[in-house]
Amino acid sequence: MVNQNKVGLVFAFMLGGIHVVWSLLVLLGWAQPLYNFILWAHMVHLSFVIGPFEAKAALTVIVIAAVLGYIIGWIAAWVWNRVHRS
């Protein structure tokens, strides 16, 4: 049996953490070059421009991602516990 709260927290930190990293990339001005490289490496041609850093938007997406991560992790642990009952 896995602890649903702990799994939820792991997912929250992972999803929130990814968005923290993305926000830092935008803040440092590294997001657009990284995005361009990823598209080039996959031979994809899209024209998207990464906007300027906005602290309120960054905080919003980080919090929402972390909350959703917790919910997804909690549900995944609940399903795991149901499937692996003794």
PDB file of N, CA and C in Angstrom:
ATOM      1  N   MET A   1       0.843  -1.171   0.000  1.00  0.00           N
ATOM      2  CA  MET A   1       0.000   0.000   0.000  1.00  0.00           C
ATOM      3  C   MET A   1       0.896   1.243   0.000  1.00  0.00           C
ATOM      4  N   VAL A   2       0.593   2.187  -0.869  1.00  0.00           N
ATOM      5  CA  VAL A   2       1.378   3.416  -0.932  1.00  0.00           C
ATOM      6  C   VAL A   2       0.618   4.552  -0.258  1.00  0.00           C
ATOM      7  N   ASN A   3       1.368   5.503   0.269  1.00  0.00           N
ATOM      8  CA  ASN A   3       0.791   6.654   0.937  1.00  0.00           C
ATOM      9  C   ASN A   3       0.343   7.671  -0.120  1.00  0.00           C
ATOM     10  N   GLN A   4      -0.954   7.895  -0.206  1.00  0.00           N
ATOM     11  CA  GLN A   4      -1.506   8.769  -1.235  1.00  0.00           C
ATOM     12  C   GLN A   4      -1.006  10.200  -1.090  1.00  0.00           C
ATOM     13  N   ASN A   5      -0.849  10.685   0.143  1.00  0.00           N
ATOM     14  CA  ASN A   5      -0.359  12.041   0.356  1.00  0.00           C
ATOM     15  C   ASN A   5       1.074  12.192  -0.159  1.00  0.00           C
ATOM     16  N   LYS A   6       1.931  11.202   0.144  1.00  0.00           N
ATOM     17  CA  LYS A   6       3.327  11.275  -0.300  1.00  0.00           C
ATOM     18  C   LYS A   6       3.430  11.229  -1.823  1.00  0.00           C
ATOM     19  N   VAL A   7       2.664  10.352  -2.451  1.00  0.00           N
ATOM     20  CA  VAL A   7       2.693  10.279  -3.915  1.00  0.00           C
ATOM     21  C   VAL A   7       2.168  11.585  -4.509  1.00  0.00           C
ATOM     22  N   GLY A   8       1.123  12.134  -3.911  1.00  0.00           N
ATOM     23  CA  GLY A   8       0.600  13.414  -4.362  1.00  0.00           C
ATOM     24  C   GLY A   8       1.644  14.515  -4.275  1.00  0.00           C
ATOM     25  N   LEU A   9       2.396  14.540  -3.181  1.00  0.00           N
ATOM     26  CA  LEU A   9       3.442  15.548  -3.015  1.00  0.00           C
ATOM     27  C   LEU A   9       4.570  15.366  -4.034  1.00  0.00           C
ATOM     28  N   VAL A  10       4.935  14.118  -4.311  1.00  0.00           N
ATOM     29  CA  VAL A  10       5.971  13.865  -5.324  1.00  0.00           C
ATOM     30  C   VAL A  10       5.524  14.401  -6.677  1.00  0.00           C
ATOM     31  N   PHE A  11       4.302  14.091  -7.071  1.00  0.00           N
ATOM     32  CA  PHE A  11       3.783  14.578  -8.355  1.00  0.00           C
ATOM     33  C   PHE A  11       3.692  16.103  -8.357  1.00  0.00           C
ATOM     34  N   ALA A  12       3.292  16.692  -7.236  1.00  0.00           N
ATOM     35  CA  ALA A  12       3.191  18.153  -7.133  1.00  0.00           C
ATOM     36  C   ALA A  12       4.554  18.797  -7.325  1.00  0.00           C
ATOM     37  N   PHE A  13       5.576  18.256  -6.659  1.00  0.00           N
ATOM     38  CA  PHE A  13       6.921  18.807  -6.802  1.00  0.00           C
ATOM     39  C   PHE A  13       7.447  18.614  -8.218  1.00  0.00           C
ATOM     40  N   MET A  14       7.145  17.482  -8.825  1.00  0.00           N
ATOM     41  CA  MET A  14       7.622  17.241 -10.191  1.00  0.00           C
ATOM     42  C   MET A  14       6.965  18.202 -11.176  1.00  0.00           C
ATOM     43  N   LEU A  15       5.639  18.271 -11.169  1.00  0.00           N
ATOM     44  CA  LEU A  15       4.944  19.139 -12.116  1.00  0.00           C
ATOM     45  C   LEU A  15       5.210  20.612 -11.827  1.00  0.00           C
ATOM     46  N   GLY A  16       5.160  20.989 -10.565  1.00  0.00           N
ATOM     47  CA  GLY A  16       5.475  22.366 -10.204  1.00  0.00           C
ATOM     48  C   GLY A  16       6.918  22.708 -10.524  1.00  0.00           C
ATOM     49  N   GLY A  17       7.818  21.768 -10.266  1.00  0.00           N
ATOM     50  CA  GLY A  17       9.247  21.974 -10.536  1.00  0.00           C
ATOM     51  C   GLY A  17       9.555  22.197 -12.002  1.00  0.00           C
ATOM     52  N   ILE A  18       8.893  21.446 -12.858  1.00  0.00           N
ATOM     53  CA  ILE A  18       9.073  21.636 -14.301  1.00  0.00           C
ATOM     54  C   ILE A  18       8.686  23.061 -14.680  1.00  0.00           C
ATOM     55  N   HIS A  19       7.620  23.567 -14.096  1.00  0.00           N
ATOM     56  CA  HIS A  19       7.165  24.919 -14.420  1.00  0.00           C
ATOM     57  C   HIS A  19       8.053  25.993 -13.778  1.00  0.00           C
ATOM     58  N   VAL A  20       8.678  25.673 -12.665  1.00  0.00           N
ATOM     59  CA  VAL A  20       9.668  26.590 -12.089  1.00  0.00           C
ATOM     60  C   VAL A  20      10.854  26.707 -13.040  1.00  0.00           C
ATOM     61  N   VAL A  21      11.321  25.577 -13.536  1.00  0.00           N
ATOM     62  CA  VAL A  21      12.447  25.579 -14.482  1.00  0.00           C
ATOM     63  C   VAL A  21      12.081  26.370 -15.736  1.00  0.00           C
ATOM     64  N   TRP A  22      10.898  26.132 -16.291  1.00  0.00           N
ATOM     65  CA  TRP A  22      10.472  26.866 -17.476  1.00  0.00           C
ATOM     66  C   TRP A  22      10.423  28.369 -17.198  1.00  0.00           C
ATOM     67  N   SER A  23       9.878  28.752 -16.050  1.00  0.00           N
ATOM     68  CA  SER A  23       9.804  30.168 -15.695  1.00  0.00           C
ATOM     69  C   SER A  23      11.194  30.790 -15.589  1.00  0.00           C
ATOM     70  N   LEU A  24      12.141  30.040 -15.024  1.00  0.00           N
ATOM     71  CA  LEU A  24      13.520  30.536 -14.950  1.00  0.00           C
ATOM     72  C   LEU A  24      14.130  30.691 -16.340  1.00  0.00           C
ATOM     73  N   LEU A  25      13.849  29.743 -17.227  1.00  0.00           N
ATOM     74  CA  LEU A  25      14.347  29.845 -18.597  1.00  0.00           C
ATOM     75  C   LEU A  25      13.803  31.095 -19.280  1.00  0.00           C
ATOM     76  N   VAL A  26      12.519  31.387 -19.067  1.00  0.00           N
ATOM     77  CA  VAL A  26      11.920  32.591 -19.649  1.00  0.00           C
ATOM     78  C   VAL A  26      12.571  33.828 -19.039  1.00  0.00           C
ATOM     79  N   LEU A  27      12.716  33.842 -17.713  1.00  0.00           N
ATOM     80  CA  LEU A  27      13.311  34.983 -17.020  1.00  0.00           C
ATOM     81  C   LEU A  27      14.728  35.273 -17.518  1.00  0.00           C
ATOM     82  N   LEU A  28      15.510  34.218 -17.738  1.00  0.00           N
ATOM     83  CA  LEU A  28      16.897  34.378 -18.179  1.00  0.00           C
ATOM     84  C   LEU A  28      17.033  34.639 -19.680  1.00  0.00           C
ATOM     85  N   GLY A  29      15.919  34.513 -20.410  1.00  0.00           N
ATOM     86  CA  GLY A  29      15.970  34.712 -21.853  1.00  0.00           C
ATOM     87  C   GLY A  29      16.463  33.501 -22.620  1.00  0.00           C
ATOM     88  N   TRP A  30      16.457  32.344 -21.983  1.00  0.00           N
ATOM     89  CA  TRP A  30      16.954  31.120 -22.613  1.00  0.00           C
ATOM     90  C   TRP A  30      15.839  30.265 -23.201  1.00  0.00           C
ATOM     91  N   ALA A  31      14.588  30.599 -22.934  1.00  0.00           N
ATOM     92  CA  ALA A  31      13.465  29.762 -23.369  1.00  0.00           C
ATOM     93  C   ALA A  31      13.333  29.746 -24.894  1.00  0.00           C
ATOM     94  N   GLN A  32      13.414  30.912 -25.528  1.00  0.00           N
ATOM     95  CA  GLN A  32      13.245  30.971 -26.984  1.00  0.00           C
ATOM     96  C   GLN A  32      14.333  30.191 -27.723  1.00  0.00           C
ATOM     97  N   PRO A  33      15.631  30.376 -27.387  1.00  0.00           N
ATOM     98  CA  PRO A  33      16.654  29.574 -28.060  1.00  0.00           C
ATOM     99  C   PRO A  33      16.476  28.069 -27.841  1.00  0.00           C
ATOM    100  N   LEU A  34      16.086  27.680 -26.629  1.00  0.00           N
ATOM    101  CA  LEU A  34      15.853  26.260 -26.344  1.00  0.00           C
ATOM    102  C   LEU A  34      14.693  25.732 -27.174  1.00  0.00           C
ATOM    103  N   TYR A  35      13.617  26.493 -27.192  1.00  0.00           N
ATOM    104  CA  TYR A  35      12.438  26.129 -27.991  1.00  0.00           C
ATOM    105  C   TYR A  35      12.812  26.004 -29.468  1.00  0.00           C
ATOM    106  N   ASN A  36      13.551  26.975 -29.989  1.00  0.00           N
ATOM    107  CA  ASN A  36      13.971  26.941 -31.392  1.00  0.00           C
ATOM    108  C   ASN A  36      14.827  25.710 -31.683  1.00  0.00           C
ATOM    109  N   PHE A  37      15.744  25.382 -30.765  1.00  0.00           N
ATOM    110  CA  PHE A  37      16.588  24.212 -30.942  1.00  0.00           C
ATOM    111  C   PHE A  37      15.764  22.925 -30.966  1.00  0.00           C
ATOM    112  N   ILE A  38      14.823  22.809 -30.027  1.00  0.00           N
ATOM    113  CA  ILE A  38      13.987  21.605 -29.961  1.00  0.00           C
ATOM    114  C   ILE A  38      13.209  21.424 -31.263  1.00  0.00           C
ATOM    115  N   LEU A  39      12.628  22.498 -31.764  1.00  0.00           N
ATOM    116  CA  LEU A  39      11.889  22.395 -33.028  1.00  0.00           C
ATOM    117  C   LEU A  39      12.819  22.033 -34.180  1.00  0.00           C
ATOM    118  N   TRP A  40      13.987  22.676 -34.237  1.00  0.00           N
ATOM    119  CA  TRP A  40      14.945  22.373 -35.296  1.00  0.00           C
ATOM    120  C   TRP A  40      15.364  20.905 -35.247  1.00  0.00           C
ATOM    121  N   ALA A  41      15.664  20.405 -34.047  1.00  0.00           N
ATOM    122  CA  ALA A  41      16.126  19.028 -33.885  1.00  0.00           C
ATOM    123  C   ALA A  41      15.057  18.008 -34.284  1.00  0.00           C
ATOM    124  N   HIS A  42      13.791  18.411 -34.186  1.00  0.00           N
ATOM    125  CA  HIS A  42      12.701  17.519 -34.563  1.00  0.00           C
ATOM    126  C   HIS A  42      12.171  17.822 -35.967  1.00  0.00           C
ATOM    127  N   MET A  43      12.877  18.707 -36.663  1.00  0.00           N
ATOM    128  CA  MET A  43      12.514  19.074 -38.039  1.00  0.00           C
ATOM    129  C   MET A  43      11.085  19.588 -38.130  1.00  0.00           C
ATOM    130  N   VAL A  44      10.715  20.405 -37.153  1.00  0.00           N
ATOM    131  CA  VAL A  44       9.384  21.001 -37.090  1.00  0.00           C
ATOM    132  C   VAL A  44       9.533  22.496 -37.348  1.00  0.00           C
ATOM    133  N   HIS A  45       8.611  23.050 -38.134  1.00  0.00           N
ATOM    134  CA  HIS A  45       8.663  24.472 -38.450  1.00  0.00           C
ATOM    135  C   HIS A  45       7.379  25.153 -37.984  1.00  0.00           C
ATOM    136  N   LEU A  46       7.456  25.764 -36.802  1.00  0.00           N
ATOM    137  CA  LEU A  46       6.345  26.513 -36.233  1.00  0.00           C
ATOM    138  C   LEU A  46       6.866  27.890 -35.845  1.00  0.00           C
ATOM    139  N   SER A  47       6.011  28.860 -35.903  1.00  0.00           N
ATOM    140  CA  SER A  47       6.426  30.215 -35.520  1.00  0.00           C
ATOM    141  C   SER A  47       5.710  30.632 -34.236  1.00  0.00           C
ATOM    142  N   PHE A  48       6.337  30.336 -33.124  1.00  0.00           N
ATOM    143  CA  PHE A  48       5.845  30.780 -31.830  1.00  0.00           C
ATOM    144  C   PHE A  48       6.917  31.640 -31.194  1.00  0.00           C
ATOM    145  N   VAL A  49       6.486  32.680 -30.506  1.00  0.00           N
ATOM    146  CA  VAL A  49       7.422  33.554 -29.819  1.00  0.00           C
ATOM    147  C   VAL A  49       7.143  33.468 -28.326  1.00  0.00           C
ATOM    148  N   ILE A  50       8.191  33.196 -27.557  1.00  0.00           N
ATOM    149  CA  ILE A  50       8.069  33.161 -26.108  1.00  0.00           C
ATOM    150  C   ILE A  50       8.007  34.608 -25.626  1.00  0.00           C
ATOM    151  N   GLY A  51       6.978  34.938 -24.887  1.00  0.00           N
ATOM    152  CA  GLY A  51       6.789  36.304 -24.417  1.00  0.00           C
ATOM    153  C   GLY A  51       7.728  36.670 -23.285  1.00  0.00           C
ATOM    154  N   PRO A  52       7.676  37.915 -22.861  1.00  0.00           N
ATOM    155  CA  PRO A  52       8.521  38.355 -21.749  1.00  0.00           C
ATOM    156  C   PRO A  52       8.049  37.735 -20.427  1.00  0.00           C
ATOM    157  N   PHE A  53       8.965  37.658 -19.483  1.00  0.00           N
ATOM    158  CA  PHE A  53       8.657  37.080 -18.178  1.00  0.00           C
ATOM    159  C   PHE A  53       7.645  37.951 -17.439  1.00  0.00           C
ATOM    160  N   GLU A  54       6.638  37.294 -16.865  1.00  0.00           N
ATOM    161  CA  GLU A  54       5.656  37.968 -16.015  1.00  0.00           C
ATOM    162  C   GLU A  54       5.537  37.158 -14.729  1.00  0.00           C
ATOM    163  N   ALA A  55       5.927  37.761 -13.626  1.00  0.00           N
ATOM    164  CA  ALA A  55       5.964  37.055 -12.338  1.00  0.00           C
ATOM    165  C   ALA A  55       4.600  36.498 -11.943  1.00  0.00           C
ATOM    166  N   LYS A  56       3.546  37.270 -12.155  1.00  0.00           N
ATOM    167  CA  LYS A  56       2.201  36.822 -11.775  1.00  0.00           C
ATOM    168  C   LYS A  56       1.787  35.593 -12.586  1.00  0.00           C
ATOM    169  N   ALA A  57       2.076  35.608 -13.886  1.00  0.00           N
ATOM    170  CA  ALA A  57       1.752  34.463 -14.742  1.00  0.00           C
ATOM    171  C   ALA A  57       2.582  33.247 -14.341  1.00  0.00           C
ATOM    172  N   ALA A  58       3.857  33.465 -14.051  1.00  0.00           N
ATOM    173  CA  ALA A  58       4.735  32.360 -13.651  1.00  0.00           C
ATOM    174  C   ALA A  58       4.247  31.724 -12.359  1.00  0.00           C
ATOM    175  N   LEU A  59       3.935  32.539 -11.377  1.00  0.00           N
ATOM    176  CA  LEU A  59       3.447  32.018 -10.100  1.00  0.00           C
ATOM    177  C   LEU A  59       2.133  31.263 -10.277  1.00  0.00           C
ATOM    178  N   THR A  60       1.255  31.810 -11.112  1.00  0.00           N
ATOM    179  CA  THR A  60      -0.036  31.161 -11.367  1.00  0.00           C
ATOM    180  C   THR A  60       0.146  29.780 -11.971  1.00  0.00           C
ATOM    181  N   VAL A  61       0.979  29.671 -13.006  1.00  0.00           N
ATOM    182  CA  VAL A  61       1.150  28.374 -13.670  1.00  0.00           C
ATOM    183  C   VAL A  61       1.873  27.379 -12.762  1.00  0.00           C
ATOM    184  N   ILE A  62       2.790  27.859 -11.943  1.00  0.00           N
ATOM    185  CA  ILE A  62       3.495  26.968 -11.007  1.00  0.00           C
ATOM    186  C   ILE A  62       2.523  26.401  -9.977  1.00  0.00           C
ATOM    187  N   VAL A  63       1.698  27.259  -9.391  1.00  0.00           N
ATOM    188  CA  VAL A  63       0.739  26.813  -8.370  1.00  0.00           C
ATOM    189  C   VAL A  63      -0.293  25.863  -8.972  1.00  0.00           C
ATOM    190  N   ILE A  64      -0.838  26.214 -10.119  1.00  0.00           N
ATOM    191  CA  ILE A  64      -1.846  25.352 -10.755  1.00  0.00           C
ATOM    192  C   ILE A  64      -1.237  23.997 -11.111  1.00  0.00           C
ATOM    193  N   ALA A  65      -0.028  23.995 -11.660  1.00  0.00           N
ATOM    194  CA  ALA A  65       0.629  22.733 -12.011  1.00  0.00           C
ATOM    195  C   ALA A  65       0.871  21.882 -10.767  1.00  0.00           C
ATOM    196  N   ALA A  66       1.300  22.515  -9.678  1.00  0.00           N
ATOM    197  CA  ALA A  66       1.560  21.766  -8.447  1.00  0.00           C
ATOM    198  C   ALA A  66       0.272  21.180  -7.869  1.00  0.00           C
ATOM    199  N   VAL A  67      -0.798  21.953  -7.871  1.00  0.00           N
ATOM    200  CA  VAL A  67      -2.081  21.460  -7.365  1.00  0.00           C
ATOM    201  C   VAL A  67      -2.582  20.300  -8.215  1.00  0.00           C
ATOM    202  N   LEU A  68      -2.538  20.473  -9.523  1.00  0.00           N
ATOM    203  CA  LEU A  68      -2.961  19.378 -10.410  1.00  0.00           C
ATOM    204  C   LEU A  68      -2.062  18.159 -10.256  1.00  0.00           C
ATOM    205  N   GLY A  69      -0.769  18.387 -10.080  1.00  0.00           N
ATOM    206  CA  GLY A  69       0.161  17.276  -9.849  1.00  0.00           C
ATOM    207  C   GLY A  69      -0.205  16.503  -8.597  1.00  0.00           C
ATOM    208  N   TYR A  70      -0.540  17.232  -7.525  1.00  0.00           N
ATOM    209  CA  TYR A  70      -0.934  16.567  -6.284  1.00  0.00           C
ATOM    210  C   TYR A  70      -2.190  15.726  -6.498  1.00  0.00           C
ATOM    211  N   ILE A  71      -3.167  16.305  -7.172  1.00  0.00           N
ATOM    212  CA  ILE A  71      -4.430  15.588  -7.424  1.00  0.00           C
ATOM    213  C   ILE A  71      -4.174  14.338  -8.253  1.00  0.00           C
ATOM    214  N   ILE A  72      -3.386  14.462  -9.306  1.00  0.00           N
ATOM    215  CA  ILE A  72      -3.076  13.314 -10.175  1.00  0.00           C
ATOM    216  C   ILE A  72      -2.333  12.243  -9.381  1.00  0.00           C
ATOM    217  N   GLY A  73      -1.344  12.650  -8.587  1.00  0.00           N
ATOM    218  CA  GLY A  73      -0.583  11.689  -7.777  1.00  0.00           C
ATOM    219  C   GLY A  73      -1.456  10.992  -6.752  1.00  0.00           C
ATOM    220  N   TRP A  74      -2.326  11.758  -6.095  1.00  0.00           N
ATOM    221  CA  TRP A  74      -3.220  11.180  -5.093  1.00  0.00           C
ATOM    222  C   TRP A  74      -4.142  10.148  -5.733  1.00  0.00           C
ATOM    223  N   ILE A  75      -4.704  10.493  -6.883  1.00  0.00           N
ATOM    224  CA  ILE A  75      -5.598   9.561  -7.591  1.00  0.00           C
ATOM    225  C   ILE A  75      -4.832   8.329  -8.057  1.00  0.00           C
ATOM    226  N   ALA A  76      -3.636   8.532  -8.577  1.00  0.00           N
ATOM    227  CA  ALA A  76      -2.821   7.390  -9.032  1.00  0.00           C
ATOM    228  C   ALA A  76      -2.526   6.448  -7.869  1.00  0.00           C
ATOM    229  N   ALA A  77      -2.194   6.997  -6.708  1.00  0.00           N
ATOM    230  CA  ALA A  77      -1.919   6.160  -5.537  1.00  0.00           C
ATOM    231  C   ALA A  77      -3.182   5.447  -5.066  1.00  0.00           C
ATOM    232  N   TRP A  78      -4.308   6.134  -5.131  1.00  0.00           N
ATOM    233  CA  TRP A  78      -5.576   5.519  -4.748  1.00  0.00           C
ATOM    234  C   TRP A  78      -5.884   4.333  -5.657  1.00  0.00           C
ATOM    235  N   VAL A  79      -5.705   4.532  -6.970  1.00  0.00           N
ATOM    236  CA  VAL A  79      -5.933   3.444  -7.931  1.00  0.00           C
ATOM    237  C   VAL A  79      -4.950   2.305  -7.662  1.00  0.00           C
ATOM    238  N   TRP A  80      -3.694   2.635  -7.429  1.00  0.00           N
ATOM    239  CA  TRP A  80      -2.682   1.612  -7.153  1.00  0.00           C
ATOM    240  C   TRP A  80      -3.101   0.780  -5.938  1.00  0.00           C
ATOM    241  N   ASN A  81      -3.522   1.447  -4.883  1.00  0.00           N
ATOM    242  CA  ASN A  81      -3.929   0.742  -3.669  1.00  0.00           C
ATOM    243  C   ASN A  81      -5.144  -0.147  -3.922  1.00  0.00           C
ATOM    244  N   ARG A  82      -6.081   0.303  -4.734  1.00  0.00           N
ATOM    245  CA  ARG A  82      -7.273  -0.505  -5.063  1.00  0.00           C
ATOM    246  C   ARG A  82      -6.903  -1.732  -5.865  1.00  0.00           C
ATOM    247  N   VAL A  83      -6.016  -1.555  -6.829  1.00  0.00           N
ATOM    248  CA  VAL A  83      -5.643  -2.660  -7.714  1.00  0.00           C
ATOM    249  C   VAL A  83      -4.788  -3.698  -6.966  1.00  0.00           C
ATOM    250  N   HIS A  84      -3.978  -3.247  -6.010  1.00  0.00           N
ATOM    251  CA  HIS A  84      -3.042  -4.136  -5.320  1.00  0.00           C
ATOM    252  C   HIS A  84      -3.504  -4.510  -3.907  1.00  0.00           C
ATOM    253  N   ARG A  85      -4.795  -4.622  -3.726  1.00  0.00           N
ATOM    254  CA  ARG A  85      -5.297  -5.063  -2.412  1.00  0.00           C
ATOM    255  C   ARG A  85      -4.928  -6.513  -2.176  1.00  0.00           C
ATOM    256  N   SER A  86      -4.738  -6.856  -0.916  1.00  0.00           N
ATOM    257  CA  SER A  86      -4.408  -8.249  -0.560  1.00  0.00           C
ATOM    258  C   SER A  86      -5.671  -9.055  -0.416  1.00  0.00           C
TER     259      SER A  86
END
